């Protein structure tokens, strides 16, 4: 039985798998990132979340936030504000688990984007 921060994976299943195709991240039609190295995290009853390497996001668009949150299954998340040139600052729109629990170690070095404000989706073939 896999453990996530002391919780059973059977009670709260989480998988992290390579997405298998390019992923594009956009805000208001402007490309924020594009990668062929994305991973998709599927957690319990939540919609899948695409995580992209932080190195594939333009660092000029990110500003470290003081916000952190805790997930008993993944660990502590740190946040970034998304600061698109000439656009509205999107506070805490990006998060990362810099030291995730071992069961989700594959998301270390990756970031995810708030789906209500940022479009993140696979592109190309199935």
N, C-alpha and C. Protein backbone atom coordinates (compact mmCIF):
# COMPACT_ATOMS: atom_id res chain seq x y z
N UNK A 1 0.86 -1.17 0.00
CA UNK A 1 0.00 0.00 0.00
C UNK A 1 0.90 1.24 0.00
N UNK A 2 0.75 2.11 -0.99
CA UNK A 2 1.55 3.34 -1.07
C UNK A 2 1.05 4.35 -0.06
N UNK A 3 1.98 5.09 0.50
CA UNK A 3 1.63 6.10 1.50
C UNK A 3 1.92 7.50 0.97
N UNK A 4 1.10 8.44 1.30
CA UNK A 4 1.27 9.85 0.95
C UNK A 4 1.13 10.64 2.23
N UNK A 5 2.25 11.01 2.83
CA UNK A 5 2.18 11.81 4.05
C UNK A 5 1.42 11.11 5.15
N UNK A 6 1.48 9.81 5.21
CA UNK A 6 0.81 9.09 6.28
C UNK A 6 -0.62 8.66 5.94
N UNK A 7 -1.09 8.97 4.76
CA UNK A 7 -2.44 8.60 4.35
C UNK A 7 -2.35 7.50 3.30
N UNK A 8 -3.28 6.60 3.32
CA UNK A 8 -3.29 5.47 2.41
C UNK A 8 -3.71 5.89 1.01
N UNK A 9 -2.97 5.44 0.02
CA UNK A 9 -3.30 5.70 -1.37
C UNK A 9 -4.62 5.01 -1.75
N UNK A 10 -4.98 3.95 -1.06
CA UNK A 10 -6.25 3.28 -1.35
C UNK A 10 -7.44 4.17 -1.00
N UNK A 11 -7.28 5.02 0.00
CA UNK A 11 -8.36 5.92 0.41
C UNK A 11 -8.37 7.21 -0.43
N UNK A 12 -7.24 7.55 -0.99
CA UNK A 12 -7.11 8.80 -1.74
C UNK A 12 -6.10 8.57 -2.87
N UNK A 13 -6.52 7.90 -3.94
CA UNK A 13 -5.56 7.55 -4.99
C UNK A 13 -5.01 8.77 -5.72
N UNK A 14 -3.70 8.73 -5.94
CA UNK A 14 -3.01 9.76 -6.70
C UNK A 14 -2.04 9.07 -7.64
N UNK A 15 -2.09 9.46 -8.90
CA UNK A 15 -1.11 8.96 -9.87
C UNK A 15 -0.47 10.14 -10.57
N UNK A 16 0.78 9.97 -10.94
CA UNK A 16 1.51 10.97 -11.73
C UNK A 16 2.13 10.22 -12.89
N UNK A 17 1.76 10.60 -14.09
CA UNK A 17 2.24 9.93 -15.30
C UNK A 17 2.67 10.97 -16.32
N UNK A 18 3.64 10.65 -17.17
CA UNK A 18 3.97 11.57 -18.27
C UNK A 18 2.72 11.83 -19.10
N UNK A 19 2.53 13.06 -19.50
CA UNK A 19 1.33 13.42 -20.27
C UNK A 19 1.35 12.77 -21.65
N UNK A 20 2.52 12.60 -22.24
CA UNK A 20 2.62 11.88 -23.50
C UNK A 20 2.47 12.72 -24.75
N UNK A 21 2.24 13.99 -24.59
CA UNK A 21 2.19 14.90 -25.74
C UNK A 21 2.47 16.31 -25.24
N UNK A 22 2.75 17.24 -26.15
CA UNK A 22 3.06 18.60 -25.72
C UNK A 22 1.90 19.22 -24.93
N UNK A 23 2.26 20.08 -23.99
CA UNK A 23 1.28 20.83 -23.21
C UNK A 23 1.60 22.31 -23.38
N UNK A 24 0.55 23.08 -23.66
CA UNK A 24 0.66 24.52 -23.83
C UNK A 24 -0.09 25.21 -22.69
N UNK A 25 0.50 26.30 -22.19
CA UNK A 25 -0.10 27.10 -21.12
C UNK A 25 -0.30 28.50 -21.67
N UNK A 26 -1.54 29.02 -21.55
CA UNK A 26 -1.86 30.34 -22.09
C UNK A 26 -2.71 31.16 -21.13
N UNK A 27 -2.50 32.47 -21.17
CA UNK A 27 -3.34 33.43 -20.46
C UNK A 27 -3.76 34.47 -21.48
N UNK A 28 -5.06 34.65 -21.65
CA UNK A 28 -5.59 35.64 -22.59
C UNK A 28 -4.95 35.49 -23.97
N UNK A 29 -4.77 34.25 -24.43
CA UNK A 29 -4.22 34.00 -25.74
C UNK A 29 -2.72 34.12 -25.84
N UNK A 30 -2.05 34.49 -24.76
CA UNK A 30 -0.59 34.63 -24.76
C UNK A 30 0.04 33.37 -24.19
N UNK A 31 1.00 32.81 -24.90
CA UNK A 31 1.68 31.59 -24.45
C UNK A 31 2.59 31.91 -23.27
N UNK A 32 2.39 31.17 -22.19
CA UNK A 32 3.20 31.31 -20.97
C UNK A 32 4.27 30.23 -20.94
N UNK A 33 3.91 29.05 -21.44
CA UNK A 33 4.84 27.92 -21.47
C UNK A 33 4.37 26.92 -22.50
N UNK A 34 5.32 26.15 -22.99
CA UNK A 34 5.01 24.99 -23.82
C UNK A 34 6.10 23.97 -23.56
N UNK A 35 5.70 22.72 -23.39
CA UNK A 35 6.66 21.69 -23.03
C UNK A 35 6.28 20.34 -23.61
N UNK A 36 7.27 19.52 -23.80
CA UNK A 36 7.04 18.12 -24.16
C UNK A 36 7.33 17.23 -22.96
N UNK A 37 7.57 17.84 -21.80
CA UNK A 37 7.96 17.10 -20.59
C UNK A 37 6.94 17.23 -19.46
N UNK A 38 5.68 17.42 -19.79
CA UNK A 38 4.65 17.58 -18.76
C UNK A 38 4.29 16.23 -18.13
N UNK A 39 3.77 16.32 -16.93
CA UNK A 39 3.19 15.17 -16.24
C UNK A 39 1.77 15.51 -15.85
N UNK A 40 0.92 14.49 -15.80
CA UNK A 40 -0.47 14.68 -15.41
C UNK A 40 -0.69 13.99 -14.08
N UNK A 41 -1.18 14.76 -13.10
CA UNK A 41 -1.50 14.24 -11.78
C UNK A 41 -3.00 14.03 -11.71
N UNK A 42 -3.40 12.81 -11.39
CA UNK A 42 -4.81 12.48 -11.18
C UNK A 42 -4.97 12.15 -9.71
N UNK A 43 -5.87 12.87 -9.05
CA UNK A 43 -6.04 12.73 -7.61
C UNK A 43 -7.50 12.50 -7.25
N UNK A 44 -7.76 11.35 -6.63
CA UNK A 44 -9.10 11.01 -6.12
C UNK A 44 -10.16 11.46 -7.12
N UNK A 45 -11.14 12.28 -6.70
CA UNK A 45 -12.23 12.69 -7.57
C UNK A 45 -12.02 14.04 -8.23
N UNK A 46 -10.79 14.57 -8.21
CA UNK A 46 -10.51 15.88 -8.79
C UNK A 46 -10.18 15.77 -10.27
N UNK A 47 -10.38 16.86 -11.03
CA UNK A 47 -9.97 16.84 -12.43
C UNK A 47 -8.45 16.69 -12.54
N UNK A 48 -7.95 16.07 -13.60
CA UNK A 48 -6.50 15.95 -13.79
C UNK A 48 -5.83 17.32 -13.83
N UNK A 49 -4.60 17.38 -13.35
CA UNK A 49 -3.83 18.62 -13.36
C UNK A 49 -2.53 18.36 -14.12
N UNK A 50 -2.26 19.22 -15.10
CA UNK A 50 -1.02 19.12 -15.86
C UNK A 50 0.05 19.94 -15.16
N UNK A 51 1.16 19.29 -14.86
CA UNK A 51 2.32 19.95 -14.27
C UNK A 51 3.39 20.07 -15.34
N UNK A 52 4.00 21.25 -15.44
CA UNK A 52 5.04 21.48 -16.43
C UNK A 52 6.34 21.85 -15.72
N UNK A 53 7.48 21.53 -16.33
CA UNK A 53 8.75 21.89 -15.70
C UNK A 53 8.85 23.40 -15.50
N UNK A 54 9.28 23.79 -14.33
CA UNK A 54 9.46 25.21 -14.04
C UNK A 54 10.42 25.83 -15.05
N UNK A 55 11.40 25.06 -15.52
CA UNK A 55 12.37 25.56 -16.48
C UNK A 55 11.76 25.85 -17.85
N UNK A 56 10.54 25.37 -18.11
CA UNK A 56 9.86 25.64 -19.38
C UNK A 56 8.90 26.83 -19.30
N UNK A 57 8.90 27.51 -18.15
CA UNK A 57 8.08 28.71 -17.97
C UNK A 57 9.03 29.92 -17.98
N UNK A 58 8.65 30.95 -18.72
CA UNK A 58 9.47 32.17 -18.77
C UNK A 58 9.59 32.75 -17.37
N UNK A 59 10.79 32.78 -16.78
CA UNK A 59 10.94 33.27 -15.40
C UNK A 59 10.55 34.74 -15.23
N UNK A 60 10.56 35.51 -16.32
CA UNK A 60 10.16 36.92 -16.23
C UNK A 60 8.68 37.05 -15.94
N UNK A 61 7.92 35.97 -16.12
CA UNK A 61 6.47 36.02 -15.91
C UNK A 61 6.06 35.58 -14.51
N UNK A 62 7.02 35.12 -13.72
CA UNK A 62 6.72 34.61 -12.39
C UNK A 62 7.31 35.49 -11.30
N UNK A 63 6.53 35.69 -10.26
CA UNK A 63 6.99 36.41 -9.08
C UNK A 63 6.63 35.57 -7.87
N UNK A 64 7.62 35.20 -7.10
CA UNK A 64 7.39 34.35 -5.92
C UNK A 64 6.42 35.04 -4.97
N UNK A 65 5.45 34.31 -4.49
CA UNK A 65 4.45 34.80 -3.54
C UNK A 65 4.85 34.32 -2.15
N UNK A 66 4.28 34.91 -1.14
CA UNK A 66 4.51 34.44 0.23
C UNK A 66 3.52 33.34 0.61
N UNK A 67 2.57 33.05 -0.24
CA UNK A 67 1.53 32.07 0.05
C UNK A 67 2.08 30.64 0.04
N UNK A 68 1.66 29.86 1.00
CA UNK A 68 1.90 28.42 1.00
C UNK A 68 0.61 27.74 1.46
N UNK A 69 0.41 26.52 1.01
CA UNK A 69 -0.71 25.71 1.49
C UNK A 69 -0.17 24.32 1.77
N UNK A 70 -0.94 23.56 2.52
CA UNK A 70 -0.51 22.20 2.87
C UNK A 70 -1.54 21.19 2.39
N UNK A 71 -1.07 20.15 1.76
CA UNK A 71 -1.90 19.02 1.34
C UNK A 71 -1.37 17.79 2.06
N UNK A 72 -2.22 17.07 2.78
CA UNK A 72 -1.74 15.90 3.51
C UNK A 72 -1.28 14.76 2.59
N UNK A 73 -1.55 14.87 1.30
CA UNK A 73 -1.17 13.82 0.36
C UNK A 73 0.04 14.18 -0.49
N UNK A 74 0.29 15.49 -0.67
CA UNK A 74 1.40 15.92 -1.53
C UNK A 74 2.47 16.70 -0.77
N UNK A 75 2.11 17.41 0.29
CA UNK A 75 3.07 18.20 1.04
C UNK A 75 2.71 19.67 1.01
N UNK A 76 3.73 20.51 1.15
CA UNK A 76 3.53 21.97 1.19
C UNK A 76 3.75 22.55 -0.21
N UNK A 77 2.79 23.35 -0.64
CA UNK A 77 2.88 24.02 -1.94
C UNK A 77 3.32 25.46 -1.74
N UNK A 78 4.21 25.89 -2.60
CA UNK A 78 4.62 27.29 -2.68
C UNK A 78 3.95 27.89 -3.91
N UNK A 79 3.72 29.19 -3.87
CA UNK A 79 2.98 29.84 -4.95
C UNK A 79 3.77 30.94 -5.63
N UNK A 80 3.36 31.21 -6.85
CA UNK A 80 3.90 32.31 -7.65
C UNK A 80 2.73 33.13 -8.18
N UNK A 81 2.96 34.43 -8.32
CA UNK A 81 2.04 35.28 -9.06
C UNK A 81 2.47 35.20 -10.52
N UNK A 82 1.51 35.21 -11.41
CA UNK A 82 1.80 35.24 -12.83
C UNK A 82 1.70 36.69 -13.27
N UNK A 83 2.77 37.20 -13.86
CA UNK A 83 2.86 38.62 -14.19
C UNK A 83 3.09 38.77 -15.70
N UNK A 84 2.02 38.61 -16.50
CA UNK A 84 2.19 38.74 -17.94
C UNK A 84 2.46 40.19 -18.33
N UNK A 85 3.39 40.38 -19.27
CA UNK A 85 3.73 41.73 -19.72
C UNK A 85 2.50 42.43 -20.26
N UNK A 86 2.20 43.60 -19.70
CA UNK A 86 1.06 44.37 -20.15
C UNK A 86 -0.28 43.81 -19.73
N UNK A 87 -0.27 42.77 -18.90
CA UNK A 87 -1.53 42.15 -18.49
C UNK A 87 -1.76 42.30 -17.00
N UNK A 88 -2.85 41.76 -16.55
CA UNK A 88 -3.21 41.79 -15.14
C UNK A 88 -2.42 40.75 -14.37
N UNK A 89 -1.90 41.13 -13.22
CA UNK A 89 -1.20 40.18 -12.36
C UNK A 89 -2.21 39.17 -11.82
N UNK A 90 -1.89 37.90 -11.95
CA UNK A 90 -2.74 36.82 -11.45
C UNK A 90 -2.09 36.29 -10.17
N UNK A 91 -2.60 36.74 -9.04
CA UNK A 91 -2.04 36.41 -7.74
C UNK A 91 -2.20 34.92 -7.45
N UNK A 92 -1.11 34.29 -7.04
CA UNK A 92 -1.11 32.87 -6.63
C UNK A 92 -1.70 31.95 -7.70
N UNK A 93 -1.42 32.23 -8.96
CA UNK A 93 -1.98 31.45 -10.06
C UNK A 93 -1.14 30.22 -10.41
N UNK A 94 0.03 30.11 -9.79
CA UNK A 94 0.95 29.03 -10.09
C UNK A 94 1.41 28.41 -8.78
N UNK A 95 1.46 27.07 -8.72
CA UNK A 95 1.96 26.46 -7.49
C UNK A 95 2.94 25.33 -7.80
N UNK A 96 3.76 25.05 -6.80
CA UNK A 96 4.76 23.99 -6.93
C UNK A 96 4.92 23.29 -5.59
N UNK A 97 5.12 22.01 -5.64
CA UNK A 97 5.49 21.23 -4.46
C UNK A 97 6.99 20.99 -4.58
N UNK A 98 7.77 21.83 -3.95
CA UNK A 98 9.22 21.77 -4.12
C UNK A 98 9.83 20.55 -3.45
N UNK A 99 9.22 20.08 -2.38
CA UNK A 99 9.66 18.87 -1.70
C UNK A 99 8.44 17.99 -1.44
N UNK A 100 7.86 17.44 -2.53
CA UNK A 100 6.64 16.64 -2.36
C UNK A 100 6.92 15.35 -1.61
N UNK A 101 5.87 14.77 -1.07
CA UNK A 101 6.00 13.48 -0.41
C UNK A 101 6.49 12.43 -1.42
N UNK A 102 7.14 11.38 -0.94
CA UNK A 102 7.72 10.38 -1.84
C UNK A 102 6.74 9.79 -2.85
N UNK A 103 5.50 9.60 -2.48
CA UNK A 103 4.53 9.01 -3.39
C UNK A 103 4.21 9.85 -4.61
N UNK A 104 4.54 11.14 -4.55
CA UNK A 104 4.31 12.04 -5.69
C UNK A 104 5.59 12.79 -6.04
N UNK A 105 6.72 12.17 -5.77
CA UNK A 105 8.03 12.79 -6.02
C UNK A 105 8.19 13.25 -7.47
N UNK A 106 7.45 12.66 -8.38
CA UNK A 106 7.56 13.01 -9.80
C UNK A 106 7.15 14.45 -10.09
N UNK A 107 6.46 15.14 -9.16
CA UNK A 107 6.07 16.53 -9.42
C UNK A 107 7.11 17.54 -8.90
N UNK A 108 8.17 17.07 -8.28
CA UNK A 108 9.25 17.97 -7.86
C UNK A 108 9.83 18.65 -9.10
N UNK A 109 10.04 19.95 -9.04
CA UNK A 109 10.57 20.69 -10.17
C UNK A 109 9.53 21.08 -11.21
N UNK A 110 8.27 20.73 -10.94
CA UNK A 110 7.18 21.05 -11.86
C UNK A 110 6.24 22.06 -11.22
N UNK A 111 5.52 22.78 -12.05
CA UNK A 111 4.52 23.74 -11.56
C UNK A 111 3.18 23.46 -12.24
N UNK A 112 2.12 23.87 -11.54
CA UNK A 112 0.76 23.77 -12.08
C UNK A 112 0.13 25.15 -12.05
N UNK A 113 -0.92 25.32 -12.84
CA UNK A 113 -1.56 26.62 -13.02
C UNK A 113 -3.02 26.54 -12.64
N UNK A 114 -3.54 27.60 -12.04
CA UNK A 114 -4.94 27.68 -11.64
C UNK A 114 -5.82 27.55 -12.88
N UNK A 115 -6.58 26.47 -12.99
CA UNK A 115 -7.38 26.25 -14.20
C UNK A 115 -8.51 27.25 -14.40
N UNK A 116 -8.89 27.96 -13.36
CA UNK A 116 -9.94 28.98 -13.50
C UNK A 116 -9.41 30.24 -14.18
N UNK A 117 -8.08 30.41 -14.19
CA UNK A 117 -7.52 31.64 -14.73
C UNK A 117 -6.48 31.43 -15.83
N UNK A 118 -5.99 30.21 -15.95
CA UNK A 118 -4.92 29.91 -16.90
C UNK A 118 -5.32 28.66 -17.69
N UNK A 119 -5.16 28.73 -18.99
CA UNK A 119 -5.50 27.58 -19.85
C UNK A 119 -4.26 26.70 -19.99
N UNK A 120 -4.40 25.46 -19.55
CA UNK A 120 -3.31 24.48 -19.63
C UNK A 120 -3.88 23.23 -20.28
N UNK A 121 -3.37 22.87 -21.47
CA UNK A 121 -3.93 21.71 -22.13
C UNK A 121 -2.94 21.05 -23.07
N UNK A 122 -3.11 19.73 -23.22
CA UNK A 122 -2.29 19.04 -24.22
C UNK A 122 -2.65 19.52 -25.62
N UNK A 123 -1.69 19.51 -26.51
CA UNK A 123 -1.91 19.90 -27.90
C UNK A 123 -1.44 18.78 -28.80
N UNK A 124 -1.90 18.77 -30.01
CA UNK A 124 -1.47 17.76 -30.96
C UNK A 124 -2.30 16.50 -30.88
N UNK A 125 -1.75 15.42 -31.41
CA UNK A 125 -2.45 14.15 -31.49
C UNK A 125 -2.76 13.53 -30.14
N UNK A 126 -3.57 12.48 -30.17
CA UNK A 126 -4.01 11.81 -28.95
C UNK A 126 -2.93 11.03 -28.30
